């Protein structure tokens, strides 16, 4: 289909010329002068602008080559980074089990340490409670002894003041003097 369309487009000018009957008068002189003027114009443009055009295109070529080098360098860097990332991912997958095992071991160590600390604190609290209980018992015993001694002295004083006679008092004084040795 494309071939047929191409042939029709190429043959269209020939059909138009054939429709004209093939009569033509040659090239008119005005067209010749116009062609000469266009040739002079093109030659002048080339002569006066060739240095600028050459400089322009050589600058573009240099800029293109520089951009191509930068692009190649950036591509190499990107490929290196891609390989690095790919290696890191492979290493991450390979060390996943080891990392999980290390994390579990660390968690077990932390658990053991926390339990040991809790046991030490419990033991210390228990010892403090036992010591406090002993001190309270001793304090209560001391208070009871003091109270008992006070009550005994009061009872003895009461008994001595009421039940002791003068004969008993002289005997006690004599025993006191003998024991003291005066």
N, C-alpha and C. Protein backbone atom coordinates (compact mmCIF):
# COMPACT_ATOMS: atom_id res chain seq x y z
N UNK A 1 0.83 -1.19 0.00
CA UNK A 1 0.00 0.00 0.00
C UNK A 1 0.87 1.25 0.00
N UNK A 2 1.91 1.23 0.83
CA UNK A 2 2.81 2.38 0.88
C UNK A 2 3.53 2.55 -0.46
N UNK A 3 3.87 1.44 -1.06
CA UNK A 3 4.57 1.50 -2.34
C UNK A 3 3.69 2.13 -3.40
N UNK A 4 2.42 1.80 -3.42
CA UNK A 4 1.49 2.35 -4.39
C UNK A 4 1.31 3.85 -4.19
N UNK A 5 1.18 4.27 -2.95
CA UNK A 5 1.03 5.70 -2.65
C UNK A 5 2.29 6.45 -3.06
N UNK A 6 3.45 5.87 -2.80
CA UNK A 6 4.72 6.51 -3.16
C UNK A 6 4.83 6.67 -4.68
N UNK A 7 4.44 5.66 -5.43
CA UNK A 7 4.49 5.73 -6.90
C UNK A 7 3.55 6.80 -7.43
N UNK A 8 2.39 6.94 -6.87
CA UNK A 8 1.43 7.96 -7.31
C UNK A 8 1.96 9.36 -7.03
N UNK A 9 2.61 9.53 -5.88
CA UNK A 9 3.15 10.86 -5.54
C UNK A 9 4.29 11.21 -6.49
N UNK A 10 5.13 10.23 -6.81
CA UNK A 10 6.28 10.50 -7.70
C UNK A 10 5.80 10.76 -9.13
N UNK A 11 4.77 10.07 -9.55
CA UNK A 11 4.32 10.23 -10.94
C UNK A 11 3.33 11.38 -11.14
N UNK A 12 2.90 12.04 -10.10
CA UNK A 12 1.94 13.15 -10.22
C UNK A 12 2.48 14.30 -11.07
N UNK A 13 3.74 14.73 -10.91
CA UNK A 13 4.22 15.83 -11.77
C UNK A 13 4.25 15.44 -13.26
N UNK A 14 4.58 14.19 -13.52
CA UNK A 14 4.61 13.75 -14.92
C UNK A 14 3.22 13.81 -15.53
N UNK A 15 2.21 13.45 -14.75
CA UNK A 15 0.83 13.52 -15.24
C UNK A 15 0.40 14.96 -15.50
N UNK A 16 0.85 15.86 -14.64
CA UNK A 16 0.49 17.26 -14.82
C UNK A 16 1.14 17.82 -16.08
N UNK A 17 2.37 17.44 -16.35
CA UNK A 17 3.05 17.92 -17.56
C UNK A 17 2.38 17.34 -18.80
N UNK A 18 2.00 16.07 -18.72
CA UNK A 18 1.35 15.43 -19.86
C UNK A 18 -0.01 16.05 -20.13
N UNK A 19 -0.67 16.53 -19.10
CA UNK A 19 -1.98 17.15 -19.29
C UNK A 19 -1.83 18.48 -20.01
N UNK A 20 -0.67 19.06 -19.93
CA UNK A 20 -0.44 20.35 -20.59
C UNK A 20 -0.18 20.20 -22.07
N UNK A 21 -0.14 19.02 -22.58
CA UNK A 21 0.05 18.81 -24.00
C UNK A 21 1.50 18.78 -24.40
N UNK A 22 2.39 18.91 -23.45
CA UNK A 22 3.80 18.82 -23.76
C UNK A 22 4.35 20.06 -24.41
N UNK A 23 3.58 21.13 -24.54
CA UNK A 23 4.06 22.38 -25.12
C UNK A 23 4.68 23.24 -24.07
N UNK A 24 5.91 23.55 -24.21
CA UNK A 24 6.52 24.51 -23.31
C UNK A 24 7.49 25.32 -24.11
N UNK A 25 7.75 26.47 -23.64
CA UNK A 25 8.54 27.43 -24.39
C UNK A 25 9.96 27.54 -23.88
N UNK A 26 10.48 26.66 -23.18
CA UNK A 26 11.83 26.79 -22.66
C UNK A 26 11.80 27.61 -21.38
N UNK A 27 12.92 27.87 -20.84
CA UNK A 27 13.02 28.58 -19.58
C UNK A 27 12.96 30.06 -19.88
N UNK A 28 12.06 30.78 -19.26
CA UNK A 28 12.00 32.22 -19.50
C UNK A 28 13.23 32.92 -18.93
N UNK A 29 13.62 34.02 -19.46
CA UNK A 29 14.83 34.74 -19.04
C UNK A 29 14.69 35.30 -17.64
N UNK A 30 13.53 35.63 -17.18
CA UNK A 30 13.34 36.17 -15.81
C UNK A 30 13.72 35.11 -14.79
N UNK A 31 13.42 33.87 -15.11
CA UNK A 31 13.76 32.79 -14.19
C UNK A 31 15.26 32.63 -14.15
N UNK A 32 15.93 32.80 -15.29
CA UNK A 32 17.39 32.70 -15.34
C UNK A 32 18.03 33.77 -14.47
N UNK A 33 17.54 34.99 -14.57
CA UNK A 33 18.10 36.08 -13.75
C UNK A 33 17.85 35.83 -12.25
N UNK A 34 16.70 35.32 -11.95
CA UNK A 34 16.40 35.02 -10.54
C UNK A 34 17.32 33.92 -10.00
N UNK A 35 17.60 32.92 -10.83
CA UNK A 35 18.50 31.84 -10.42
C UNK A 35 19.91 32.37 -10.19
N UNK A 36 20.37 33.28 -11.08
CA UNK A 36 21.71 33.88 -10.92
C UNK A 36 21.75 34.70 -9.64
N UNK A 37 20.71 35.49 -9.35
CA UNK A 37 20.66 36.30 -8.13
C UNK A 37 20.68 35.42 -6.87
N UNK A 38 19.95 34.32 -6.91
CA UNK A 38 19.93 33.41 -5.76
C UNK A 38 21.31 32.79 -5.58
N UNK A 39 21.99 32.42 -6.67
CA UNK A 39 23.33 31.84 -6.58
C UNK A 39 24.31 32.84 -5.99
N UNK A 40 24.23 34.12 -6.42
CA UNK A 40 25.11 35.17 -5.86
C UNK A 40 24.81 35.36 -4.37
N UNK A 41 23.54 35.37 -4.02
CA UNK A 41 23.15 35.53 -2.61
C UNK A 41 23.70 34.38 -1.76
N UNK A 42 23.55 33.15 -2.24
CA UNK A 42 24.05 31.99 -1.49
C UNK A 42 25.57 32.05 -1.37
N UNK A 43 26.28 32.42 -2.48
CA UNK A 43 27.74 32.51 -2.44
C UNK A 43 28.18 33.59 -1.46
N UNK A 44 27.50 34.73 -1.41
CA UNK A 44 27.83 35.80 -0.46
C UNK A 44 27.60 35.36 0.98
N UNK A 45 26.48 34.70 1.20
CA UNK A 45 26.20 34.21 2.55
C UNK A 45 27.28 33.22 3.00
N UNK A 46 27.67 32.34 2.11
CA UNK A 46 28.70 31.36 2.47
C UNK A 46 30.02 32.06 2.74
N UNK A 47 30.40 33.01 1.89
CA UNK A 47 31.68 33.69 2.05
C UNK A 47 31.75 34.47 3.35
N UNK A 48 30.69 35.21 3.68
CA UNK A 48 30.72 36.09 4.85
C UNK A 48 30.39 35.37 6.18
N UNK A 49 29.70 34.26 6.11
CA UNK A 49 29.28 33.60 7.36
C UNK A 49 29.94 32.25 7.60
N UNK A 50 30.85 31.83 6.71
CA UNK A 50 31.41 30.49 6.88
C UNK A 50 32.22 30.37 8.17
N UNK A 51 32.97 31.41 8.57
CA UNK A 51 33.75 31.33 9.82
C UNK A 51 32.82 31.21 11.04
N UNK A 52 31.78 32.00 11.06
CA UNK A 52 30.82 31.94 12.17
C UNK A 52 30.10 30.61 12.23
N UNK A 53 29.74 30.10 11.06
CA UNK A 53 29.03 28.82 11.01
C UNK A 53 29.96 27.69 11.46
N UNK A 54 31.21 27.74 10.96
CA UNK A 54 32.18 26.70 11.36
C UNK A 54 32.41 26.75 12.87
N UNK A 55 32.57 27.98 13.41
CA UNK A 55 32.78 28.14 14.85
C UNK A 55 31.55 27.65 15.62
N UNK A 56 30.39 28.00 15.15
CA UNK A 56 29.15 27.59 15.81
C UNK A 56 29.04 26.07 15.87
N UNK A 57 29.24 25.43 14.71
CA UNK A 57 29.09 23.97 14.69
C UNK A 57 30.23 23.25 15.41
N UNK A 58 31.44 23.82 15.39
CA UNK A 58 32.53 23.19 16.16
C UNK A 58 32.26 23.32 17.66
N UNK A 59 31.69 24.47 18.09
CA UNK A 59 31.30 24.64 19.50
C UNK A 59 30.21 23.67 19.89
N UNK A 60 29.26 23.48 19.00
CA UNK A 60 28.18 22.52 19.28
C UNK A 60 28.72 21.11 19.36
N UNK A 61 29.69 20.81 18.48
CA UNK A 61 30.30 19.48 18.50
C UNK A 61 31.03 19.25 19.81
N UNK A 62 31.79 20.27 20.25
CA UNK A 62 32.53 20.15 21.52
C UNK A 62 31.55 20.00 22.69
N UNK A 63 30.48 20.79 22.69
CA UNK A 63 29.49 20.70 23.76
C UNK A 63 28.82 19.33 23.75
N UNK A 64 28.53 18.82 22.55
CA UNK A 64 27.92 17.50 22.44
C UNK A 64 28.86 16.42 22.96
N UNK A 65 30.15 16.51 22.57
CA UNK A 65 31.12 15.51 23.03
C UNK A 65 31.29 15.56 24.55
N UNK A 66 31.32 16.79 25.09
CA UNK A 66 31.44 16.94 26.55
C UNK A 66 30.21 16.36 27.25
N UNK A 67 29.03 16.66 26.70
CA UNK A 67 27.80 16.12 27.29
C UNK A 67 27.79 14.59 27.17
N UNK A 68 28.32 14.07 26.07
CA UNK A 68 28.37 12.62 25.89
C UNK A 68 29.31 11.99 26.92
N UNK A 69 30.46 12.65 27.18
CA UNK A 69 31.39 12.14 28.19
C UNK A 69 30.75 12.17 29.58
N UNK A 70 30.09 13.28 29.90
CA UNK A 70 29.42 13.38 31.20
C UNK A 70 28.34 12.30 31.32
N UNK A 71 27.62 12.10 30.24
CA UNK A 71 26.57 11.09 30.24
C UNK A 71 27.16 9.69 30.43
N UNK A 72 28.28 9.42 29.75
CA UNK A 72 28.93 8.11 29.91
C UNK A 72 29.43 7.93 31.34
N UNK A 73 30.02 8.98 31.91
CA UNK A 73 30.51 8.91 33.29
C UNK A 73 29.35 8.68 34.26
N UNK A 74 28.25 9.43 34.05
CA UNK A 74 27.08 9.28 34.91
C UNK A 74 26.50 7.87 34.78
N UNK A 75 26.52 7.33 33.57
CA UNK A 75 26.01 5.97 33.37
C UNK A 75 26.89 4.96 34.10
N UNK A 76 28.21 5.14 34.01
CA UNK A 76 29.13 4.23 34.72
C UNK A 76 28.88 4.30 36.22
N UNK A 77 28.72 5.52 36.74
CA UNK A 77 28.46 5.70 38.17
C UNK A 77 27.14 5.02 38.55
N UNK A 78 26.13 5.21 37.73
CA UNK A 78 24.83 4.60 38.02
C UNK A 78 24.93 3.07 37.99
N UNK A 79 25.70 2.54 37.03
CA UNK A 79 25.87 1.08 36.97
C UNK A 79 26.62 0.58 38.20
N UNK A 80 27.65 1.32 38.65
CA UNK A 80 28.38 0.93 39.86
C UNK A 80 27.45 0.95 41.07
N UNK A 81 26.66 2.01 41.20
CA UNK A 81 25.73 2.10 42.32
C UNK A 81 24.70 0.97 42.26
N UNK A 82 24.25 0.65 41.05
CA UNK A 82 23.29 -0.44 40.89
C UNK A 82 23.90 -1.76 41.36
N UNK A 83 25.15 -2.00 40.95
CA UNK A 83 25.84 -3.24 41.37
C UNK A 83 26.02 -3.24 42.88
N UNK A 84 26.41 -2.08 43.46
CA UNK A 84 26.58 -2.00 44.91
C UNK A 84 25.27 -2.30 45.64
N UNK A 85 24.20 -1.69 45.18
CA UNK A 85 22.89 -1.91 45.82
C UNK A 85 22.47 -3.37 45.66
N UNK A 86 22.72 -3.93 44.48
CA UNK A 86 22.37 -5.33 44.25
C UNK A 86 23.16 -6.24 45.19
N UNK A 87 24.46 -5.93 45.36
CA UNK A 87 25.29 -6.72 46.28
C UNK A 87 24.82 -6.57 47.72
N UNK A 88 24.47 -5.34 48.10
CA UNK A 88 23.97 -5.11 49.46
C UNK A 88 22.68 -5.89 49.71
N UNK A 89 21.79 -5.89 48.73
CA UNK A 89 20.54 -6.64 48.88
C UNK A 89 20.82 -8.14 48.98
N UNK A 90 21.75 -8.64 48.16
CA UNK A 90 22.10 -10.06 48.23
C UNK A 90 22.73 -10.37 49.59
N UNK A 91 23.59 -9.47 50.06
CA UNK A 91 24.23 -9.65 51.37
C UNK A 91 23.20 -9.59 52.48
N UNK A 92 22.23 -8.69 52.33
CA UNK A 92 21.17 -8.57 53.33
C UNK A 92 20.36 -9.86 53.41
N UNK A 93 20.02 -10.42 52.25
CA UNK A 93 19.29 -11.69 52.25
C UNK A 93 20.14 -12.81 52.84
N UNK A 94 21.43 -12.79 52.54
CA UNK A 94 22.31 -13.85 53.03
C UNK A 94 22.51 -13.75 54.54
N UNK A 95 22.56 -12.54 55.07
CA UNK A 95 22.83 -12.36 56.50
C UNK A 95 21.56 -12.19 57.32
N UNK A 96 20.42 -12.37 56.71
CA UNK A 96 19.16 -12.19 57.43
C UNK A 96 19.04 -13.17 58.59
N UNK A 97 19.33 -14.43 58.32
CA UNK A 97 19.23 -15.45 59.37
C UNK A 97 20.22 -15.16 60.50
N UNK A 98 21.43 -14.77 60.12
CA UNK A 98 22.43 -14.46 61.14
C UNK A 98 22.00 -13.25 61.97
N UNK A 99 21.45 -12.24 61.30
CA UNK A 99 20.98 -11.06 62.02
C UNK A 99 19.85 -11.41 62.98
N UNK A 100 18.93 -12.24 62.51
CA UNK A 100 17.82 -12.67 63.38
C UNK A 100 18.34 -13.47 64.57
N UNK A 101 19.33 -14.34 64.32
CA UNK A 101 19.90 -15.14 65.39
C UNK A 101 20.61 -14.24 66.41
N UNK A 102 21.35 -13.26 65.91
CA UNK A 102 22.04 -12.32 66.81
C UNK A 102 21.03 -11.53 67.64
N UNK A 103 19.96 -11.08 66.98
CA UNK A 103 18.94 -10.31 67.70
C UNK A 103 18.27 -11.17 68.77
N UNK A 104 18.00 -12.44 68.45
CA UNK A 104 17.39 -13.34 69.43
C UNK A 104 18.33 -13.58 70.60
N UNK A 105 19.62 -13.77 70.29
CA UNK A 105 20.61 -13.99 71.36
C UNK A 105 20.72 -12.75 72.24
N UNK A 106 20.70 -11.58 71.61
CA UNK A 106 20.77 -10.33 72.38
C UNK A 106 19.53 -10.18 73.27
N UNK A 107 18.37 -10.52 72.71
CA UNK A 107 17.13 -10.44 73.50
C UNK A 107 17.17 -11.42 74.67
N UNK A 108 17.69 -12.63 74.43
CA UNK A 108 17.81 -13.60 75.52
C UNK A 108 18.76 -13.11 76.60
N UNK A 109 19.88 -12.52 76.18
CA UNK A 109 20.83 -11.96 77.16
C UNK A 109 20.18 -10.85 77.98
N UNK A 110 19.45 -9.97 77.30
CA UNK A 110 18.77 -8.88 78.01
C UNK A 110 17.74 -9.44 78.99
N UNK A 111 17.01 -10.48 78.57
CA UNK A 111 16.01 -11.10 79.44
C UNK A 111 16.68 -11.69 80.68
N UNK A 112 17.79 -12.40 80.46
CA UNK A 112 18.52 -13.01 81.58
C UNK A 112 19.04 -11.92 82.52
N UNK A 113 19.57 -10.85 81.95
CA UNK A 113 20.11 -9.76 82.77
C UNK A 113 18.99 -9.12 83.60
N UNK A 114 17.84 -8.89 82.98
CA UNK A 114 16.71 -8.28 83.69
C UNK A 114 16.24 -9.20 84.81
N UNK A 115 16.15 -10.51 84.52
CA UNK A 115 15.73 -11.46 85.56
C UNK A 115 16.74 -11.51 86.70
N UNK A 116 18.04 -11.49 86.37
CA UNK A 116 19.06 -11.49 87.42
C UNK A 116 18.95 -10.24 88.29
N UNK A 117 18.76 -9.09 87.65
CA UNK A 117 18.61 -7.85 88.42
C UNK A 117 17.36 -7.91 89.30
N UNK A 118 16.27 -8.45 88.74
CA UNK A 118 15.03 -8.56 89.52
C UNK A 118 15.23 -9.49 90.72
N UNK A 119 15.95 -10.59 90.51
CA UNK A 119 16.22 -11.51 91.63
C UNK A 119 17.08 -10.84 92.69
N UNK A 120 18.08 -10.07 92.26
CA UNK A 120 18.92 -9.36 93.23
C UNK A 120 18.11 -8.34 94.02
N UNK A 121 17.24 -7.61 93.33
CA UNK A 121 16.41 -6.62 94.02
C UNK A 121 15.46 -7.32 94.99
N UNK A 122 14.89 -8.45 94.56
CA UNK A 122 13.99 -9.20 95.45
C UNK A 122 14.74 -9.69 96.68
N UNK A 123 15.95 -10.21 96.46
CA UNK A 123 16.76 -10.69 97.58
C UNK A 123 17.10 -9.55 98.53
N UNK A 124 17.48 -8.40 97.98
CA UNK A 124 17.81 -7.24 98.81
C UNK A 124 16.59 -6.76 99.60
N UNK A 125 15.43 -6.73 98.94
CA UNK A 125 14.20 -6.30 99.63
C UNK A 125 13.87 -7.28 100.76
N UNK A 126 14.02 -8.59 100.47
CA UNK A 126 13.73 -9.61 101.49
C UNK A 126 14.68 -9.44 102.68
N UNK A 127 15.98 -9.23 102.40
CA UNK A 127 16.95 -9.04 103.49
C UNK A 127 16.63 -7.79 104.30
N UNK A 128 16.28 -6.71 103.59
CA UNK A 128 15.91 -5.48 104.30
C UNK A 128 14.68 -5.70 105.17
N UNK A 129 13.70 -6.45 104.65
CA UNK A 129 12.48 -6.71 105.43
C UNK A 129 12.80 -7.56 106.66
N UNK A 130 13.67 -8.58 106.48
CA UNK A 130 14.05 -9.41 107.62
C UNK A 130 14.80 -8.59 108.67
N UNK A 131 15.72 -7.75 108.22
CA UNK A 131 16.47 -6.90 109.15
C UNK A 131 15.54 -5.94 109.88
N UNK A 132 14.60 -5.36 109.14
CA UNK A 132 13.64 -4.45 109.76
C UNK A 132 12.79 -5.20 110.79
N UNK A 133 12.37 -6.42 110.45
CA UNK A 133 11.56 -7.21 111.39
C UNK A 133 12.37 -7.53 112.64
N UNK A 134 13.65 -7.92 112.47
CA UNK A 134 14.50 -8.22 113.63
C UNK A 134 14.67 -6.99 114.51
N UNK A 135 14.91 -5.85 113.87
CA UNK A 135 15.09 -4.62 114.64
C UNK A 135 13.81 -4.25 115.40
N UNK A 136 12.67 -4.46 114.77
CA UNK A 136 11.40 -4.15 115.43
C UNK A 136 11.17 -5.10 116.60
N UNK A 137 11.51 -6.39 116.40
CA UNK A 137 11.36 -7.37 117.49
C UNK A 137 12.26 -6.98 118.65
N UNK A 138 13.53 -6.62 118.35
CA UNK A 138 14.46 -6.21 119.41
C UNK A 138 13.96 -4.96 120.13
N UNK A 139 13.47 -4.01 119.36
CA UNK A 139 12.95 -2.79 119.96
C UNK A 139 11.77 -3.10 120.87
N UNK A 140 10.86 -3.98 120.38
CA UNK A 140 9.70 -4.36 121.19
C UNK A 140 10.15 -5.10 122.45
N UNK A 141 11.15 -6.00 122.31
CA UNK A 141 11.65 -6.72 123.48
C UNK A 141 12.27 -5.74 124.48
N UNK A 142 13.05 -4.80 123.97
CA UNK A 142 13.67 -3.80 124.86
C UNK A 142 12.61 -2.97 125.58
N UNK A 143 11.57 -2.60 124.85
CA UNK A 143 10.49 -1.84 125.49
C UNK A 143 9.79 -2.68 126.55
N UNK A 144 9.55 -3.97 126.21
CA UNK A 144 8.90 -4.85 127.18
C UNK A 144 9.78 -5.06 128.42
N UNK A 145 11.10 -5.24 128.19
CA UNK A 145 12.01 -5.40 129.33
C UNK A 145 12.01 -4.15 130.20
N UNK A 146 12.08 -2.98 129.52
CA UNK A 146 12.10 -1.74 130.28
C UNK A 146 10.80 -1.59 131.07
N UNK A 147 9.69 -1.92 130.43
CA UNK A 147 8.40 -1.82 131.11
C UNK A 147 8.32 -2.83 132.25
N UNK A 148 8.82 -4.06 132.00
CA UNK A 148 8.82 -5.09 133.03
C UNK A 148 9.70 -4.68 134.21
N UNK A 149 10.89 -4.13 133.89
CA UNK A 149 11.79 -3.66 134.95
C UNK A 149 11.15 -2.53 135.74
N UNK A 150 10.52 -1.63 135.04
CA UNK A 150 9.84 -0.51 135.70
C UNK A 150 8.72 -1.01 136.60
N UNK A 151 7.92 -1.95 136.04
CA UNK A 151 6.81 -2.50 136.82
C UNK A 151 7.34 -3.30 138.02
N UNK A 152 8.45 -4.04 137.81
CA UNK A 152 9.04 -4.83 138.91
C UNK A 152 9.55 -3.90 140.00
N UNK A 153 10.22 -2.84 139.61
CA UNK A 153 10.73 -1.89 140.60
C UNK A 153 9.58 -1.23 141.35
N UNK A 154 8.55 -0.92 140.63
CA UNK A 154 7.39 -0.30 141.27
C UNK A 154 6.75 -1.28 142.25
N UNK A 155 6.64 -2.55 141.83
CA UNK A 155 6.05 -3.56 142.71
C UNK A 155 6.94 -3.80 143.92
N UNK A 156 8.28 -3.84 143.69
CA UNK A 156 9.21 -4.05 144.80
C UNK A 156 9.15 -2.87 145.77
N UNK A 157 9.08 -1.68 145.24
CA UNK A 157 9.00 -0.50 146.08
C UNK A 157 7.71 -0.55 146.91
N UNK A 158 6.65 -0.94 146.25
CA UNK A 158 5.38 -1.03 146.96
C UNK A 158 5.45 -2.09 148.06
N UNK A 159 6.02 -3.24 147.74
CA UNK A 159 6.14 -4.33 148.72
C UNK A 159 7.06 -3.90 149.85
N UNK A 160 8.18 -3.27 149.50
CA UNK A 160 9.14 -2.87 150.53
C UNK A 160 8.56 -1.80 151.45
N UNK A 161 7.81 -0.90 150.91
CA UNK A 161 7.27 0.15 151.76
C UNK A 161 6.12 -0.35 152.62
N UNK A 162 5.40 -1.33 152.19
CA UNK A 162 4.25 -1.80 152.94
C UNK A 162 4.61 -2.99 153.83
N UNK A 163 5.33 -3.94 153.31
CA UNK A 163 5.50 -5.21 154.02
C UNK A 163 6.78 -5.30 154.84
N UNK A 164 7.68 -4.46 154.70
CA UNK A 164 8.95 -4.59 155.42
C UNK A 164 8.84 -3.89 156.78
N UNK A 165 9.35 -4.55 157.72
CA UNK A 165 9.33 -3.97 159.06
C UNK A 165 10.70 -3.43 159.41
N UNK A 166 10.83 -2.93 160.67
CA UNK A 166 12.11 -2.36 161.07
C UNK A 166 13.14 -3.44 161.26
N UNK A 167 12.78 -4.64 161.67
CA UNK A 167 13.74 -5.73 161.83
C UNK A 167 14.28 -6.14 160.47
N UNK A 168 13.44 -6.23 159.50
CA UNK A 168 13.88 -6.59 158.15
C UNK A 168 14.77 -5.51 157.58
N UNK A 169 14.47 -4.29 157.91
CA UNK A 169 15.27 -3.18 157.38
C UNK A 169 16.65 -3.20 157.99
N UNK A 170 16.80 -3.49 159.25
CA UNK A 170 18.12 -3.55 159.89
C UNK A 170 18.90 -4.71 159.32
N UNK A 171 18.26 -5.83 159.10
CA UNK A 171 18.94 -6.98 158.53
C UNK A 171 19.45 -6.66 157.15
N UNK A 172 18.68 -5.97 156.32
CA UNK A 172 19.09 -5.61 154.96
C UNK A 172 20.26 -4.64 155.01
N UNK A 173 20.26 -3.72 155.95
CA UNK A 173 21.37 -2.77 156.05
C UNK A 173 22.63 -3.50 156.47
N UNK A 174 22.50 -4.44 157.36
CA UNK A 174 23.65 -5.21 157.82
C UNK A 174 24.23 -6.03 156.66
N UNK A 175 23.38 -6.68 155.91
CA UNK A 175 23.83 -7.46 154.75
C UNK A 175 24.49 -6.55 153.72
N UNK A 176 23.95 -5.39 153.56
CA UNK A 176 24.52 -4.44 152.60
C UNK A 176 25.92 -4.04 153.02
N UNK A 177 26.08 -3.75 154.29
CA UNK A 177 27.39 -3.33 154.81
C UNK A 177 28.36 -4.49 154.69
N UNK A 178 27.94 -5.70 154.96
CA UNK A 178 28.84 -6.86 154.87
C UNK A 178 29.26 -7.11 153.41
N UNK A 179 28.38 -6.94 152.53
CA UNK A 179 28.70 -7.19 151.11
C UNK A 179 29.56 -6.09 150.53
N UNK A 180 29.33 -4.90 150.92
CA UNK A 180 30.10 -3.78 150.40
C UNK A 180 31.46 -3.78 151.06
N UNK A 181 31.56 -4.19 152.25
CA UNK A 181 32.82 -4.30 152.94
C UNK A 181 33.26 -3.03 153.58
N UNK A 182 32.42 -2.26 154.13
CA UNK A 182 32.80 -1.03 154.81
C UNK A 182 33.04 -1.27 156.23
